[in-house]
Amino acid sequence: MLVTFHCKVSGNIIMFGDVAKQMLKMMGFCENIPGAIDAEDVPVALNNLQQALNRIRQIEIDAGNDPVIDIDDYDEQDVEPVVGVNTRALPLLEMLKEAKAAQCYIMWE
């Protein structure tokens, strides 16, 4: 399943369903699809997501896992680099910031 996030001040963002549900949970919203965040709730969602991502990053650092991986390290290996949750969240973070500035809602389906 794919989930598309819509906002009138940003381009659409498409995520796999499991990743989108994870992001919704980190923002403090239920994982129901479709759904929406009212304009007045966008700042809280942005703050919740940023805090959750910071906690994940700190856990990775404390565990000794370097969250920053140089893609060039994989050129000669037969493996795919892992795309972390922080990287996956970047487009949604930008959408939330733009929605907050424009005071508009975000929908997903």
PDB file of N, CA and C in Angstrom:
ATOM      1  N   MET A   1       0.841  -1.173   0.000  1.00  0.00           N
ATOM      2  CA  MET A   1       0.000   0.000   0.000  1.00  0.00           C
ATOM      3  C   MET A   1       0.891   1.243   0.000  1.00  0.00           C
ATOM      4  N   LEU A   2       0.484   2.231  -0.748  1.00  0.00           N
ATOM      5  CA  LEU A   2       1.156   3.523  -0.769  1.00  0.00           C
ATOM      6  C   LEU A   2       0.246   4.565  -0.129  1.00  0.00           C
ATOM      7  N   VAL A   3       0.858   5.501   0.569  1.00  0.00           N
ATOM      8  CA  VAL A   3       0.125   6.592   1.209  1.00  0.00           C
ATOM      9  C   VAL A   3       0.660   7.899   0.631  1.00  0.00           C
ATOM     10  N   THR A   4      -0.262   8.773   0.236  1.00  0.00           N
ATOM     11  CA  THR A   4       0.115  10.067  -0.318  1.00  0.00           C
ATOM     12  C   THR A   4      -0.300  11.169   0.646  1.00  0.00           C
ATOM     13  N   PHE A   5       0.665  12.006   1.019  1.00  0.00           N
ATOM     14  CA  PHE A   5       0.411  13.179   1.856  1.00  0.00           C
ATOM     15  C   PHE A   5       0.203  14.371   0.936  1.00  0.00           C
ATOM     16  N   HIS A   6      -0.842  15.170   1.209  1.00  0.00           N
ATOM     17  CA  HIS A   6      -1.179  16.345   0.405  1.00  0.00           C
ATOM     18  C   HIS A   6      -1.184  17.590   1.278  1.00  0.00           C
ATOM     19  N   CYS A   7      -0.696  18.679   0.719  1.00  0.00           N
ATOM     20  CA  CYS A   7      -0.775  19.989   1.359  1.00  0.00           C
ATOM     21  C   CYS A   7      -0.767  21.021   0.235  1.00  0.00           C
ATOM     22  N   LYS A   8      -1.585  22.056   0.359  1.00  0.00           N
ATOM     23  CA  LYS A   8      -1.705  23.018  -0.741  1.00  0.00           C
ATOM     24  C   LYS A   8      -0.452  23.863  -0.957  1.00  0.00           C
ATOM     25  N   VAL A   9       0.475  23.904   0.013  1.00  0.00           N
ATOM     26  CA  VAL A   9       1.683  24.709  -0.138  1.00  0.00           C
ATOM     27  C   VAL A   9       2.925  23.850  -0.403  1.00  0.00           C
ATOM     28  N   SER A  10       2.707  22.566  -0.667  1.00  0.00           N
ATOM     29  CA  SER A  10       3.832  21.656  -0.866  1.00  0.00           C
ATOM     30  C   SER A  10       3.446  20.618  -1.906  1.00  0.00           C
ATOM     31  N   GLY A  11       4.450  20.017  -2.509  1.00  0.00           N
ATOM     32  CA  GLY A  11       4.193  18.914  -3.418  1.00  0.00           C
ATOM     33  C   GLY A  11       3.755  17.684  -2.643  1.00  0.00           C
ATOM     34  N   ASN A  12       3.122  16.750  -3.329  1.00  0.00           N
ATOM     35  CA  ASN A  12       2.689  15.513  -2.690  1.00  0.00           C
ATOM     36  C   ASN A  12       3.893  14.660  -2.291  1.00  0.00           C
ATOM     37  N   ILE A  13       3.711  13.905  -1.220  1.00  0.00           N
ATOM     38  CA  ILE A  13       4.735  12.982  -0.742  1.00  0.00           C
ATOM     39  C   ILE A  13       4.115  11.598  -0.720  1.00  0.00           C
ATOM     40  N   ILE A  14       4.775  10.641  -1.357  1.00  0.00           N
ATOM     41  CA  ILE A  14       4.291   9.267  -1.393  1.00  0.00           C
ATOM     42  C   ILE A  14       5.227   8.405  -0.572  1.00  0.00           C
ATOM     43  N   MET A  15       4.646   7.619   0.338  1.00  0.00           N
ATOM     44  CA  MET A  15       5.416   6.717   1.201  1.00  0.00           C
ATOM     45  C   MET A  15       4.766   5.343   1.190  1.00  0.00           C
ATOM     46  N   PHE A  16       5.571   4.336   1.482  1.00  0.00           N
ATOM     47  CA  PHE A  16       5.008   3.021   1.722  1.00  0.00           C
ATOM     48  C   PHE A  16       4.143   3.099   2.966  1.00  0.00           C
ATOM     49  N   GLY A  17       3.091   2.285   3.019  1.00  0.00           N
ATOM     50  CA  GLY A  17       2.136   2.335   4.110  1.00  0.00           C
ATOM     51  C   GLY A  17       2.740   2.160   5.483  1.00  0.00           C
ATOM     52  N   ASP A  18       3.672   1.200   5.633  1.00  0.00           N
ATOM     53  CA  ASP A  18       4.260   0.967   6.959  1.00  0.00           C
ATOM     54  C   ASP A  18       5.090   2.151   7.424  1.00  0.00           C
ATOM     55  N   VAL A  19       5.791   2.796   6.503  1.00  0.00           N
ATOM     56  CA  VAL A  19       6.595   3.971   6.857  1.00  0.00           C
ATOM     57  C   VAL A  19       5.674   5.142   7.199  1.00  0.00           C
ATOM     58  N   ALA A  20       4.623   5.331   6.405  1.00  0.00           N
ATOM     59  CA  ALA A  20       3.679   6.427   6.663  1.00  0.00           C
ATOM     60  C   ALA A  20       3.015   6.257   8.029  1.00  0.00           C
ATOM     61  N   LYS A  21       2.623   5.028   8.356  1.00  0.00           N
ATOM     62  CA  LYS A  21       2.003   4.782   9.661  1.00  0.00           C
ATOM     63  C   LYS A  21       2.985   5.061  10.796  1.00  0.00           C
ATOM     64  N   GLN A  22       4.247   4.720  10.588  1.00  0.00           N
ATOM     65  CA  GLN A  22       5.272   5.000  11.589  1.00  0.00           C
ATOM     66  C   GLN A  22       5.409   6.512  11.787  1.00  0.00           C
ATOM     67  N   MET A  23       5.408   7.270  10.696  1.00  0.00           N
ATOM     68  CA  MET A  23       5.515   8.731  10.785  1.00  0.00           C
ATOM     69  C   MET A  23       4.295   9.325  11.496  1.00  0.00           C
ATOM     70  N   LEU A  24       3.116   8.820  11.165  1.00  0.00           N
ATOM     71  CA  LEU A  24       1.895   9.313  11.808  1.00  0.00           C
ATOM     72  C   LEU A  24       1.928   9.055  13.308  1.00  0.00           C
ATOM     73  N   LYS A  25       2.389   7.882  13.687  1.00  0.00           N
ATOM     74  CA  LYS A  25       2.483   7.543  15.107  1.00  0.00           C
ATOM     75  C   LYS A  25       3.480   8.469  15.812  1.00  0.00           C
ATOM     76  N   MET A  26       4.616   8.747  15.158  1.00  0.00           N
ATOM     77  CA  MET A  26       5.616   9.639  15.757  1.00  0.00           C
ATOM     78  C   MET A  26       5.087  11.063  15.877  1.00  0.00           C
ATOM     79  N   MET A  27       4.180  11.465  14.967  1.00  0.00           N
ATOM     80  CA  MET A  27       3.592  12.797  15.040  1.00  0.00           C
ATOM     81  C   MET A  27       2.515  12.882  16.115  1.00  0.00           C
ATOM     82  N   GLY A  28       2.096  11.728  16.639  1.00  0.00           N
ATOM     83  CA  GLY A  28       1.082  11.717  17.678  1.00  0.00           C
ATOM     84  C   GLY A  28      -0.328  11.552  17.142  1.00  0.00           C
ATOM     85  N   PHE A  29      -0.465  11.033  15.932  1.00  0.00           N
ATOM     86  CA  PHE A  29      -1.771  10.843  15.326  1.00  0.00           C
ATOM     87  C   PHE A  29      -2.037   9.362  15.127  1.00  0.00           C
ATOM     88  N   CYS A  30      -3.327   9.016  15.010  1.00  0.00           N
ATOM     89  CA  CYS A  30      -3.672   7.618  14.784  1.00  0.00           C
ATOM     90  C   CYS A  30      -3.228   7.235  13.369  1.00  0.00           C
ATOM     91  N   GLU A  31      -3.087   5.955  13.169  1.00  0.00           N
ATOM     92  CA  GLU A  31      -2.549   5.440  11.908  1.00  0.00           C
ATOM     93  C   GLU A  31      -3.635   5.210  10.863  1.00  0.00           C
ATOM     94  N   ASN A  32      -4.818   5.775  11.078  1.00  0.00           N
ATOM     95  CA  ASN A  32      -5.913   5.581  10.132  1.00  0.00           C
ATOM     96  C   ASN A  32      -5.620   6.273   8.810  1.00  0.00           C
ATOM     97  N   ILE A  33      -5.959   5.588   7.756  1.00  0.00           N
ATOM     98  CA  ILE A  33      -5.779   6.135   6.418  1.00  0.00           C
ATOM     99  C   ILE A  33      -7.127   6.001   5.720  1.00  0.00           C
ATOM    100  N   PRO A  34      -7.703   7.063   5.230  1.00  0.00           N
ATOM    101  CA  PRO A  34      -7.229   8.439   5.120  1.00  0.00           C
ATOM    102  C   PRO A  34      -7.356   9.195   6.442  1.00  0.00           C
ATOM    103  N   GLY A  35      -6.743  10.375   6.455  1.00  0.00           N
ATOM    104  CA  GLY A  35      -6.780  11.218   7.640  1.00  0.00           C
ATOM    105  C   GLY A  35      -6.290  12.609   7.327  1.00  0.00           C
ATOM    106  N   ALA A  36      -6.264  13.447   8.352  1.00  0.00           N
ATOM    107  CA  ALA A  36      -5.837  14.833   8.157  1.00  0.00           C
ATOM    108  C   ALA A  36      -5.332  15.418   9.473  1.00  0.00           C
ATOM    109  N   ILE A  37      -4.503  16.431   9.337  1.00  0.00           N
ATOM    110  CA  ILE A  37      -4.037  17.222  10.477  1.00  0.00           C
ATOM    111  C   ILE A  37      -4.574  18.632  10.260  1.00  0.00           C
ATOM    112  N   ASP A  38      -5.366  19.113  11.215  1.00  0.00           N
ATOM    113  CA  ASP A  38      -5.880  20.475  11.131  1.00  0.00           C
ATOM    114  C   ASP A  38      -4.725  21.466  11.206  1.00  0.00           C
ATOM    115  N   ALA A  39      -4.916  22.631  10.629  1.00  0.00           N
ATOM    116  CA  ALA A  39      -3.871  23.654  10.590  1.00  0.00           C
ATOM    117  C   ALA A  39      -3.353  24.001  11.985  1.00  0.00           C
ATOM    118  N   GLU A  40      -4.247  24.037  12.970  1.00  0.00           N
ATOM    119  CA  GLU A  40      -3.800  24.398  14.315  1.00  0.00           C
ATOM    120  C   GLU A  40      -3.013  23.273  14.993  1.00  0.00           C
ATOM    121  N   ASP A  41      -3.098  22.059  14.467  1.00  0.00           N
ATOM    122  CA  ASP A  41      -2.361  20.917  15.033  1.00  0.00           C
ATOM    123  C   ASP A  41      -1.024  20.655  14.341  1.00  0.00           C
ATOM    124  N   VAL A  42      -0.753  21.331  13.244  1.00  0.00           N
ATOM    125  CA  VAL A  42       0.484  21.109  12.492  1.00  0.00           C
ATOM    126  C   VAL A  42       1.727  21.418  13.329  1.00  0.00           C
ATOM    127  N   PRO A  43       1.788  22.534  14.081  1.00  0.00           N
ATOM    128  CA  PRO A  43       2.992  22.782  14.892  1.00  0.00           C
ATOM    129  C   PRO A  43       3.278  21.676  15.904  1.00  0.00           C
ATOM    130  N   VAL A  44       2.234  21.129  16.506  1.00  0.00           N
ATOM    131  CA  VAL A  44       2.416  20.036  17.476  1.00  0.00           C
ATOM    132  C   VAL A  44       2.934  18.794  16.763  1.00  0.00           C
ATOM    133  N   ALA A  45       2.368  18.484  15.595  1.00  0.00           N
ATOM    134  CA  ALA A  45       2.811  17.321  14.825  1.00  0.00           C
ATOM    135  C   ALA A  45       4.277  17.463  14.425  1.00  0.00           C
ATOM    136  N   LEU A  46       4.661  18.656  13.987  1.00  0.00           N
ATOM    137  CA  LEU A  46       6.046  18.916  13.605  1.00  0.00           C
ATOM    138  C   LEU A  46       6.974  18.727  14.799  1.00  0.00           C
ATOM    139  N   ASN A  47       6.617  19.291  15.921  1.00  0.00           N
ATOM    140  CA  ASN A  47       7.433  19.167  17.126  1.00  0.00           C
ATOM    141  C   ASN A  47       7.550  17.710  17.566  1.00  0.00           C
ATOM    142  N   ASN A  48       6.432  16.972  17.568  1.00  0.00           N
ATOM    143  CA  ASN A  48       6.457  15.563  17.960  1.00  0.00           C
ATOM    144  C   ASN A  48       7.353  14.738  17.046  1.00  0.00           C
ATOM    145  N   LEU A  49       7.255  14.978  15.741  1.00  0.00           N
ATOM    146  CA  LEU A  49       8.076  14.226  14.793  1.00  0.00           C
ATOM    147  C   LEU A  49       9.555  14.546  14.975  1.00  0.00           C
ATOM    148  N   GLN A  50       9.881  15.816  15.144  1.00  0.00           N
ATOM    149  CA  GLN A  50      11.279  16.190  15.352  1.00  0.00           C
ATOM    150  C   GLN A  50      11.843  15.564  16.624  1.00  0.00           C
ATOM    151  N   GLN A  51      11.073  15.571  17.694  1.00  0.00           N
ATOM    152  CA  GLN A  51      11.537  14.974  18.948  1.00  0.00           C
ATOM    153  C   GLN A  51      11.732  13.465  18.804  1.00  0.00           C
ATOM    154  N   ALA A  52      10.804  12.795  18.136  1.00  0.00           N
ATOM    155  CA  ALA A  52      10.924  11.348  17.939  1.00  0.00           C
ATOM    156  C   ALA A  52      12.152  11.016  17.104  1.00  0.00           C
ATOM    157  N   LEU A  53      12.403  11.788  16.067  1.00  0.00           N
ATOM    158  CA  LEU A  53      13.573  11.546  15.214  1.00  0.00           C
ATOM    159  C   LEU A  53      14.863  11.818  15.971  1.00  0.00           C
ATOM    160  N   ASN A  54      14.866  12.835  16.819  1.00  0.00           N
ATOM    161  CA  ASN A  54      16.050  13.120  17.634  1.00  0.00           C
ATOM    162  C   ASN A  54      16.328  11.980  18.612  1.00  0.00           C
ATOM    163  N   ARG A  55      15.263  11.418  19.199  1.00  0.00           N
ATOM    164  CA  ARG A  55      15.442  10.275  20.104  1.00  0.00           C
ATOM    165  C   ARG A  55      16.012   9.074  19.361  1.00  0.00           C
ATOM    166  N   ILE A  56      15.509   8.822  18.163  1.00  0.00           N
ATOM    167  CA  ILE A  56      16.011   7.696  17.359  1.00  0.00           C
ATOM    168  C   ILE A  56      17.477   7.915  17.011  1.00  0.00           C
ATOM    169  N   ARG A  57      17.813   9.124  16.601  1.00  0.00           N
ATOM    170  CA  ARG A  57      19.204   9.434  16.260  1.00  0.00           C
ATOM    171  C   ARG A  57      20.113   9.237  17.474  1.00  0.00           C
ATOM    172  N   GLN A  58      19.663   9.668  18.655  1.00  0.00           N
ATOM    173  CA  GLN A  58      20.466   9.513  19.866  1.00  0.00           C
ATOM    174  C   GLN A  58      20.630   8.040  20.226  1.00  0.00           C
ATOM    175  N   ILE A  59      19.601   7.254  20.063  1.00  0.00           N
ATOM    176  CA  ILE A  59      19.692   5.809  20.322  1.00  0.00           C
ATOM    177  C   ILE A  59      20.706   5.164  19.388  1.00  0.00           C
ATOM    178  N   GLU A  60      20.694   5.570  18.109  1.00  0.00           N
ATOM    179  CA  GLU A  60      21.658   5.030  17.142  1.00  0.00           C
ATOM    180  C   GLU A  60      23.083   5.407  17.529  1.00  0.00           C
ATOM    181  N   ILE A  61      23.276   6.631  17.960  1.00  0.00           N
ATOM    182  CA  ILE A  61      24.614   7.086  18.362  1.00  0.00           C
ATOM    183  C   ILE A  61      25.068   6.348  19.613  1.00  0.00           C
ATOM    184  N   ASP A  62      24.173   6.214  20.599  1.00  0.00           N
ATOM    185  CA  ASP A  62      24.517   5.513  21.837  1.00  0.00           C
ATOM    186  C   ASP A  62      24.838   4.041  21.593  1.00  0.00           C
ATOM    187  N   ALA A  63      24.185   3.455  20.595  1.00  0.00           N
ATOM    188  CA  ALA A  63      24.410   2.040  20.285  1.00  0.00           C
ATOM    189  C   ALA A  63      25.675   1.843  19.452  1.00  0.00           C
ATOM    190  N   GLY A  64      26.276   2.941  19.035  1.00  0.00           N
ATOM    191  CA  GLY A  64      27.494   2.836  18.231  1.00  0.00           C
ATOM    192  C   GLY A  64      27.235   2.704  16.748  1.00  0.00           C
ATOM    193  N   ASN A  65      25.980   2.848  16.352  1.00  0.00           N
ATOM    194  CA  ASN A  65      25.647   2.816  14.931  1.00  0.00           C
ATOM    195  C   ASN A  65      25.751   4.226  14.377  1.00  0.00           C
ATOM    196  N   ASP A  66      26.573   4.396  13.391  1.00  0.00           N
ATOM    197  CA  ASP A  66      26.732   5.708  12.777  1.00  0.00           C
ATOM    198  C   ASP A  66      25.541   5.969  11.871  1.00  0.00           C
ATOM    199  N   PRO A  67      24.674   6.960  12.188  1.00  0.00           N
ATOM    200  CA  PRO A  67      23.506   7.213  11.363  1.00  0.00           C
ATOM    201  C   PRO A  67      23.852   7.810  10.002  1.00  0.00           C
ATOM    202  N   VAL A  68      25.073   8.282   9.827  1.00  0.00           N
ATOM    203  CA  VAL A  68      25.492   8.843   8.547  1.00  0.00           C
ATOM    204  C   VAL A  68      26.381   7.823   7.847  1.00  0.00           C
ATOM    205  N   ILE A  69      25.916   7.325   6.719  1.00  0.00           N
ATOM    206  CA  ILE A  69      26.652   6.308   5.976  1.00  0.00           C
ATOM    207  C   ILE A  69      27.035   6.894   4.627  1.00  0.00           C
ATOM    208  N   ASP A  70      28.281   6.742   4.271  1.00  0.00           N
ATOM    209  CA  ASP A  70      28.764   7.228   2.983  1.00  0.00           C
ATOM    210  C   ASP A  70      28.379   6.218   1.910  1.00  0.00           C
ATOM    211  N   ILE A  71      27.568   6.659   0.959  1.00  0.00           N
ATOM    212  CA  ILE A  71      27.081   5.776  -0.095  1.00  0.00           C
ATOM    213  C   ILE A  71      28.228   5.212  -0.927  1.00  0.00           C
ATOM    214  N   ASP A  72      29.354   5.919  -0.995  1.00  0.00           N
ATOM    215  CA  ASP A  72      30.491   5.440  -1.766  1.00  0.00           C
ATOM    216  C   ASP A  72      31.105   4.182  -1.166  1.00  0.00           C
ATOM    217  N   ASP A  73      30.851   3.917   0.103  1.00  0.00           N
ATOM    218  CA  ASP A  73      31.367   2.706   0.736  1.00  0.00           C
ATOM    219  C   ASP A  73      30.736   1.452   0.151  1.00  0.00           C
ATOM    220  N   TYR A  74      29.629   1.598  -0.563  1.00  0.00           N
ATOM    221  CA  TYR A  74      28.904   0.446  -1.086  1.00  0.00           C
ATOM    222  C   TYR A  74      29.175   0.188  -2.566  1.00  0.00           C
ATOM    223  N   ASP A  75      30.006   0.988  -3.203  1.00  0.00           N
ATOM    224  CA  ASP A  75      30.227   0.854  -4.635  1.00  0.00           C
ATOM    225  C   ASP A  75      30.714  -0.527  -5.042  1.00  0.00           C
ATOM    226  N   GLU A  76      31.608  -1.095  -4.293  1.00  0.00           N
ATOM    227  CA  GLU A  76      32.200  -2.358  -4.696  1.00  0.00           C
ATOM    228  C   GLU A  76      31.584  -3.542  -3.963  1.00  0.00           C
ATOM    229  N   GLN A  77      30.554  -3.321  -3.206  1.00  0.00           N
ATOM    230  CA  GLN A  77      29.902  -4.397  -2.482  1.00  0.00           C
ATOM    231  C   GLN A  77      28.550  -4.688  -3.129  1.00  0.00           C
ATOM    232  N   ASP A  78      28.080  -5.885  -2.926  1.00  0.00           N
ATOM    233  CA  ASP A  78      26.805  -6.289  -3.496  1.00  0.00           C
ATOM    234  C   ASP A  78      25.699  -6.171  -2.453  1.00  0.00           C
ATOM    235  N   VAL A  79      25.554  -4.969  -1.881  1.00  0.00           N
ATOM    236  CA  VAL A  79      24.523  -4.720  -0.876  1.00  0.00           C
ATOM    237  C   VAL A  79      23.870  -3.378  -1.164  1.00  0.00           C
ATOM    238  N   GLU A  80      22.655  -3.263  -0.685  1.00  0.00           N
ATOM    239  CA  GLU A  80      21.938  -1.997  -0.798  1.00  0.00           C
ATOM    240  C   GLU A  80      22.096  -1.237   0.510  1.00  0.00           C
ATOM    241  N   PRO A  81      22.339   0.058   0.454  1.00  0.00           N
ATOM    242  CA  PRO A  81      22.425   0.830   1.700  1.00  0.00           C
ATOM    243  C   PRO A  81      21.052   0.908   2.362  1.00  0.00           C
ATOM    244  N   VAL A  82      21.053   0.961   3.669  1.00  0.00           N
ATOM    245  CA  VAL A  82      19.813   1.071   4.436  1.00  0.00           C
ATOM    246  C   VAL A  82      19.400   2.534   4.491  1.00  0.00           C
ATOM    247  N   VAL A  83      18.146   2.779   4.184  1.00  0.00           N
ATOM    248  CA  VAL A  83      17.620   4.139   4.269  1.00  0.00           C
ATOM    249  C   VAL A  83      16.955   4.264   5.634  1.00  0.00           C
ATOM    250  N   GLY A  84      17.535   5.100   6.488  1.00  0.00           N
ATOM    251  CA  GLY A  84      17.046   5.252   7.851  1.00  0.00           C
ATOM    252  C   GLY A  84      15.772   6.063   7.937  1.00  0.00           C
ATOM    253  N   VAL A  85      15.128   5.960   9.071  1.00  0.00           N
ATOM    254  CA  VAL A  85      13.870   6.664   9.300  1.00  0.00           C
ATOM    255  C   VAL A  85      14.074   8.186   9.250  1.00  0.00           C
ATOM    256  N   ASN A  86      15.234   8.661   9.681  1.00  0.00           N
ATOM    257  CA  ASN A  86      15.495  10.105   9.626  1.00  0.00           C
ATOM    258  C   ASN A  86      15.525  10.595   8.185  1.00  0.00           C
ATOM    259  N   THR A  87      16.100   9.817   7.303  1.00  0.00           N
ATOM    260  CA  THR A  87      16.143  10.184   5.886  1.00  0.00           C
ATOM    261  C   THR A  87      14.753  10.129   5.273  1.00  0.00           C
ATOM    262  N   ARG A  88      14.013   9.093   5.618  1.00  0.00           N
ATOM    263  CA  ARG A  88      12.649   8.946   5.080  1.00  0.00           C
ATOM    264  C   ARG A  88      11.727  10.070   5.545  1.00  0.00           C
ATOM    265  N   ALA A  89      11.997  10.632   6.713  1.00  0.00           N
ATOM    266  CA  ALA A  89      11.124  11.659   7.280  1.00  0.00           C
ATOM    267  C   ALA A  89      11.386  13.057   6.725  1.00  0.00           C
ATOM    268  N   LEU A  90      12.520  13.270   6.068  1.00  0.00           N
ATOM    269  CA  LEU A  90      12.875  14.621   5.609  1.00  0.00           C
ATOM    270  C   LEU A  90      11.798  15.298   4.757  1.00  0.00           C
ATOM    271  N   PRO A  91      11.234  14.639   3.742  1.00  0.00           N
ATOM    272  CA  PRO A  91      10.195  15.331   2.957  1.00  0.00           C
ATOM    273  C   PRO A  91       8.970  15.704   3.792  1.00  0.00           C
ATOM    274  N   LEU A  92       8.584  14.830   4.709  1.00  0.00           N
ATOM    275  CA  LEU A  92       7.437  15.118   5.561  1.00  0.00           C
ATOM    276  C   LEU A  92       7.741  16.259   6.523  1.00  0.00           C
ATOM    277  N   LEU A  93       8.953  16.312   7.042  1.00  0.00           N
ATOM    278  CA  LEU A  93       9.351  17.429   7.893  1.00  0.00           C
ATOM    279  C   LEU A  93       9.237  18.749   7.141  1.00  0.00           C
ATOM    280  N   GLU A  94       9.711  18.762   5.905  1.00  0.00           N
ATOM    281  CA  GLU A  94       9.626  19.977   5.093  1.00  0.00           C
ATOM    282  C   GLU A  94       8.180  20.370   4.836  1.00  0.00           C
ATOM    283  N   MET A  95       7.328  19.378   4.557  1.00  0.00           N
ATOM    284  CA  MET A  95       5.914  19.667   4.330  1.00  0.00           C
ATOM    285  C   MET A  95       5.289  20.265   5.586  1.00  0.00           C
ATOM    286  N   LEU A  96       5.597  19.687   6.742  1.00  0.00           N
ATOM    287  CA  LEU A  96       5.061  20.209   7.993  1.00  0.00           C
ATOM    288  C   LEU A  96       5.525  21.636   8.247  1.00  0.00           C
ATOM    289  N   LYS A  97       6.787  21.923   7.965  1.00  0.00           N
ATOM    290  CA  LYS A  97       7.307  23.287   8.153  1.00  0.00           C
ATOM    291  C   LYS A  97       6.587  24.274   7.232  1.00  0.00           C
ATOM    292  N   GLU A  98       6.382  23.880   5.984  1.00  0.00           N
ATOM    293  CA  GLU A  98       5.691  24.762   5.039  1.00  0.00           C
ATOM    294  C   GLU A  98       4.230  24.955   5.435  1.00  0.00           C
ATOM    295  N   ALA A  99       3.586  23.883   5.883  1.00  0.00           N
ATOM    296  CA  ALA A  99       2.186  23.978   6.313  1.00  0.00           C
ATOM    297  C   ALA A  99       2.061  24.854   7.552  1.00  0.00           C
ATOM    298  N   LYS A 100       3.020  24.743   8.449  1.00  0.00           N
ATOM    299  CA  LYS A 100       3.010  25.583   9.657  1.00  0.00           C
ATOM    300  C   LYS A 100       3.136  27.054   9.271  1.00  0.00           C
ATOM    301  N   ALA A 101       4.066  27.370   8.370  1.00  0.00           N
ATOM    302  CA  ALA A 101       4.267  28.757   7.951  1.00  0.00           C
ATOM    303  C   ALA A 101       3.034  29.328   7.252  1.00  0.00           C
ATOM    304  N   ALA A 102       2.363  28.492   6.461  1.00  0.00           N
ATOM    305  CA  ALA A 102       1.196  28.952   5.714  1.00  0.00           C
ATOM    306  C   ALA A 102      -0.115  28.737   6.480  1.00  0.00           C
ATOM    307  N   GLN A 103      -0.027  28.117   7.638  1.00  0.00           N
ATOM    308  CA  GLN A 103      -1.198  27.822   8.474  1.00  0.00           C
ATOM    309  C   GLN A 103      -2.272  27.057   7.687  1.00  0.00           C
ATOM    310  N   CYS A 104      -1.848  25.938   7.092  1.00  0.00           N
ATOM    311  CA  CYS A 104      -2.794  25.108   6.350  1.00  0.00           C
ATOM    312  C   CYS A 104      -2.715  23.658   6.830  1.00  0.00           C
ATOM    313  N   TYR A 105      -3.680  22.879   6.432  1.00  0.00           N
ATOM    314  CA  TYR A 105      -3.797  21.506   6.881  1.00  0.00           C
ATOM    315  C   TYR A 105      -3.008  20.548   5.977  1.00  0.00           C
ATOM    316  N   ILE A 106      -2.858  19.317   6.455  1.00  0.00           N
ATOM    317  CA  ILE A 106      -2.228  18.254   5.688  1.00  0.00           C
ATOM    318  C   ILE A 106      -3.197  17.066   5.686  1.00  0.00           C
ATOM    319  N   MET A 107      -3.354  16.456   4.535  1.00  0.00           N
ATOM    320  CA  MET A 107      -4.210  15.267   4.404  1.00  0.00           C
ATOM    321  C   MET A 107      -3.373  14.108   3.899  1.00  0.00           C
ATOM    322  N   TRP A 108      -3.829  12.899   4.168  1.00  0.00           N
ATOM    323  CA  TRP A 108      -3.190  11.715   3.591  1.00  0.00           C
ATOM    324  C   TRP A 108      -4.260  10.716   3.211  1.00  0.00           C
ATOM    325  N   GLU A 109      -3.935   9.957   2.154  1.00  0.00           N
ATOM    326  CA  GLU A 109      -4.838   8.912   1.674  1.00  0.00           C
ATOM    327  C   GLU A 109      -4.063   7.769   1.078  1.00  0.00           C
TER     328      GLU A 109
END
